[in-house]
Protein backbone atom coordinates (compact mmCIF):
# COMPACT_ATOMS: atom_id res chain seq x y z
CA MET A 1 0.00 0.00 0.00
CA GLN A 2 2.49 2.68 1.09
CA ALA A 3 5.67 0.63 1.18
CA PRO A 4 8.60 1.89 -0.92
CA TRP A 5 9.48 -1.66 -1.99
CA PRO A 6 7.70 -3.56 -4.78
CA PRO A 7 4.31 -5.09 -3.92
CA HIS A 8 4.22 -8.75 -2.88
CA SER A 9 7.88 -8.75 -1.91
CA PRO A 10 9.22 -8.84 1.63
CA PRO A 11 10.44 -5.62 3.22
CA PRO A 12 14.17 -5.11 3.63
CA GLN A 13 15.70 -6.58 6.77
CA ARG A 14 17.08 -3.21 7.80
CA LEU A 15 15.63 0.24 7.12
CA PRO A 16 17.89 2.80 5.45
CA LEU A 17 19.57 5.21 7.87
CA ALA A 18 17.69 8.20 6.42
CA THR A 19 14.39 6.45 7.10
CA THR A 20 15.34 5.65 10.68
CA VAL A 21 16.47 9.24 11.31
CA THR A 22 13.23 10.60 9.81
CA VAL A 23 11.04 8.34 11.93
CA VAL A 24 12.95 9.21 15.11
CA GLN A 25 12.67 12.93 14.33
CA LEU A 26 8.95 12.58 13.65
CA ALA A 27 8.50 10.82 16.99
CA HIS A 28 10.49 13.60 18.67
CA VAL A 29 8.25 16.30 17.12
CA CYS A 30 5.11 14.44 18.23
CA GLY A 31 6.48 14.09 21.76
CA LEU A 32 7.50 17.74 21.83
CA LEU A 33 4.01 18.84 20.77
CA GLY A 34 2.52 16.71 23.53
CA VAL A 35 4.81 18.22 26.17
CA LEU A 36 4.12 21.77 24.92
CA ASN A 37 0.36 21.12 25.05
CA PHE A 38 0.60 19.75 28.57
CA PHE A 39 2.62 22.66 29.97
CA LEU A 40 0.78 25.44 28.12
CA LEU A 41 -2.68 24.16 29.07
CA ARG A 42 -1.59 23.55 32.66
CA SER A 43 -0.06 27.03 32.90
CA ALA A 44 -3.14 28.68 31.38
CA ARG A 45 -5.36 26.90 33.89
CA ARG A 46 -3.11 27.62 36.87
CA TYR A 47 -2.01 31.20 36.23
CA LEU A 48 -4.90 32.63 34.21
CA SER A 49 -7.89 31.21 36.10
CA ALA A 50 -8.73 34.68 37.40
CA GLN A 51 -8.65 36.09 33.84
CA PRO A 52 -10.94 33.84 31.79
CA ALA A 53 -10.97 36.11 28.71
CA LEU A 54 -7.17 36.01 28.47
CA GLN A 55 -7.16 32.30 29.24
CA GLU A 56 -9.62 31.74 26.39
CA LYS A 57 -7.47 33.70 23.92
CA ILE A 58 -4.25 31.88 24.84
CA VAL A 59 -5.81 28.42 24.77
CA GLY A 60 -7.47 29.31 21.46
CA ALA A 61 -4.10 30.40 20.06
CA LEU A 62 -2.76 26.94 20.95
CA LEU A 63 -5.73 24.84 19.85
CA THR A 64 -6.53 26.58 16.56
CA PRO A 65 -3.35 25.59 14.67
CA LEU A 66 -3.55 22.12 16.23
CA LEU A 67 -7.12 21.77 14.95
CA VAL A 68 -6.04 22.84 11.45
CA GLY A 69 -3.14 20.39 11.65
CA ASP A 70 -5.45 17.55 12.70
CA VAL A 71 -7.81 18.16 9.77
CA LEU A 72 -4.94 18.40 7.28
CA HIS A 73 -3.21 15.34 8.73
CA ILE A 74 -6.33 13.17 8.39
CA ALA A 75 -7.14 14.60 4.94
CA LEU A 76 -3.61 14.06 3.63
CA THR A 77 -3.51 10.54 5.06
CA LEU A 78 -6.77 9.65 3.30
CA TRP A 79 -5.58 11.33 0.10
CA ALA A 80 -2.29 9.37 0.16
CA LEU A 81 -4.17 6.08 0.48
CA ASP A 82 -5.51 6.59 -3.05
CA ASP A 83 -7.48 3.50 -4.18
CA VAL A 84 -7.44 1.89 -0.74
CA ARG A 85 -8.91 4.97 0.95
CA TRP A 86 -12.36 3.49 1.60
CA HIS A 87 -11.35 -0.19 1.74
CA PHE A 88 -10.98 -0.31 5.51
CA SER A 89 -10.21 -4.03 5.55
CA GLU A 90 -7.02 -3.33 3.60
CA TRP A 91 -5.74 -0.65 5.97
CA THR A 92 -2.60 -1.48 7.92
CA VAL A 93 -2.35 -1.08 11.68
CA MET A 94 -0.34 2.13 11.18
CA VAL A 95 -3.04 3.65 8.97
CA TRP A 96 -5.72 2.76 11.52
CA LEU A 97 -3.63 4.25 14.33
CA THR A 98 -2.99 7.42 12.34
CA VAL A 99 -6.67 7.97 11.60
CA VAL A 100 -8.03 6.94 15.02
CA ILE A 101 -5.48 8.95 17.00
CA GLY A 102 -6.00 11.91 14.65
CA ILE A 103 -9.75 11.82 15.21
CA SER A 104 -9.33 11.36 18.97
CA LEU A 105 -7.24 14.55 19.05
CA LEU A 106 -9.56 16.37 16.66
CA ILE A 107 -12.80 15.84 18.62
CA PRO A 108 -11.80 17.63 21.86
CA ARG A 109 -10.34 20.52 19.87
CA ILE A 110 -13.55 20.91 17.88
CA THR A 111 -15.65 20.77 21.06
CA TRP A 112 -13.44 23.44 22.65
CA HIS A 113 -13.99 25.73 19.65
CA LEU A 114 -17.73 25.05 19.82
CA GLY A 115 -17.70 26.01 23.51
CA ILE A 116 -18.90 22.63 24.71
CA GLY A 117 -17.99 22.01 28.36
CA ARG A 118 -16.01 25.18 28.88
CA TYR A 119 -16.33 28.79 29.95
CA MET A 120 -16.60 31.26 27.07
CA GLU A 121 -16.13 34.94 27.80
CA SER A 122 -18.30 35.91 24.82
CA ARG A 123 -21.15 33.68 26.02
CA ASP A 124 -20.68 33.44 29.80
CA GLY A 125 -18.82 36.68 30.52
CA LYS A 126 -19.56 39.07 33.36
CA GLY A 127 -22.93 40.72 32.93
CA LYS A 128 -24.09 38.38 30.18
CA GLY A 129 -26.44 36.51 32.51
CA LYS A 130 -26.63 33.50 30.24
CA GLY A 131 -26.13 30.02 31.54
CA LEU A 132 -26.02 28.63 35.04
CA GLY A 133 -23.32 30.26 37.16
CA ALA A 134 -22.25 32.73 34.48
CA ASN A 135 -21.44 35.45 37.00
CA ILE A 136 -19.53 33.19 39.40
CA ALA A 137 -15.77 33.57 39.24
CA LEU A 138 -14.12 30.68 37.39
CA SER A 139 -11.73 29.99 40.27
CA SER A 140 -14.66 29.35 42.66
CA ARG A 141 -16.33 26.80 40.34
CA HIS A 142 -15.79 23.14 41.06
């Protein structure tokens, strides 16, 4: 399907060095993004809880490019599959993992942008009076 060697032939016993380096660097970038997400979201929650409007803008600045990246990653993966795109039984484990993990990251980012399960200054802000507990400070909510 996506292998660089001819179809119906076994893969090489050892991957080329360039391939190994590329895969290790890709894993490093994925890990780095995860660590950045963890620390930025934790810091926004800890240090900006008294300023929900600012917290919303900073978290949005983080999640917006990640959302775009998720959509493009899934779209490009499906595009690269070509004829096998909708033949799920022919997908490899790596393709399944790529799509399932991509969707599992995409869903919470979409829900955040839709305002599901979170405080939104534009909807719940001081004086808006909409929603249960809209005028209660975020830090006092449980």
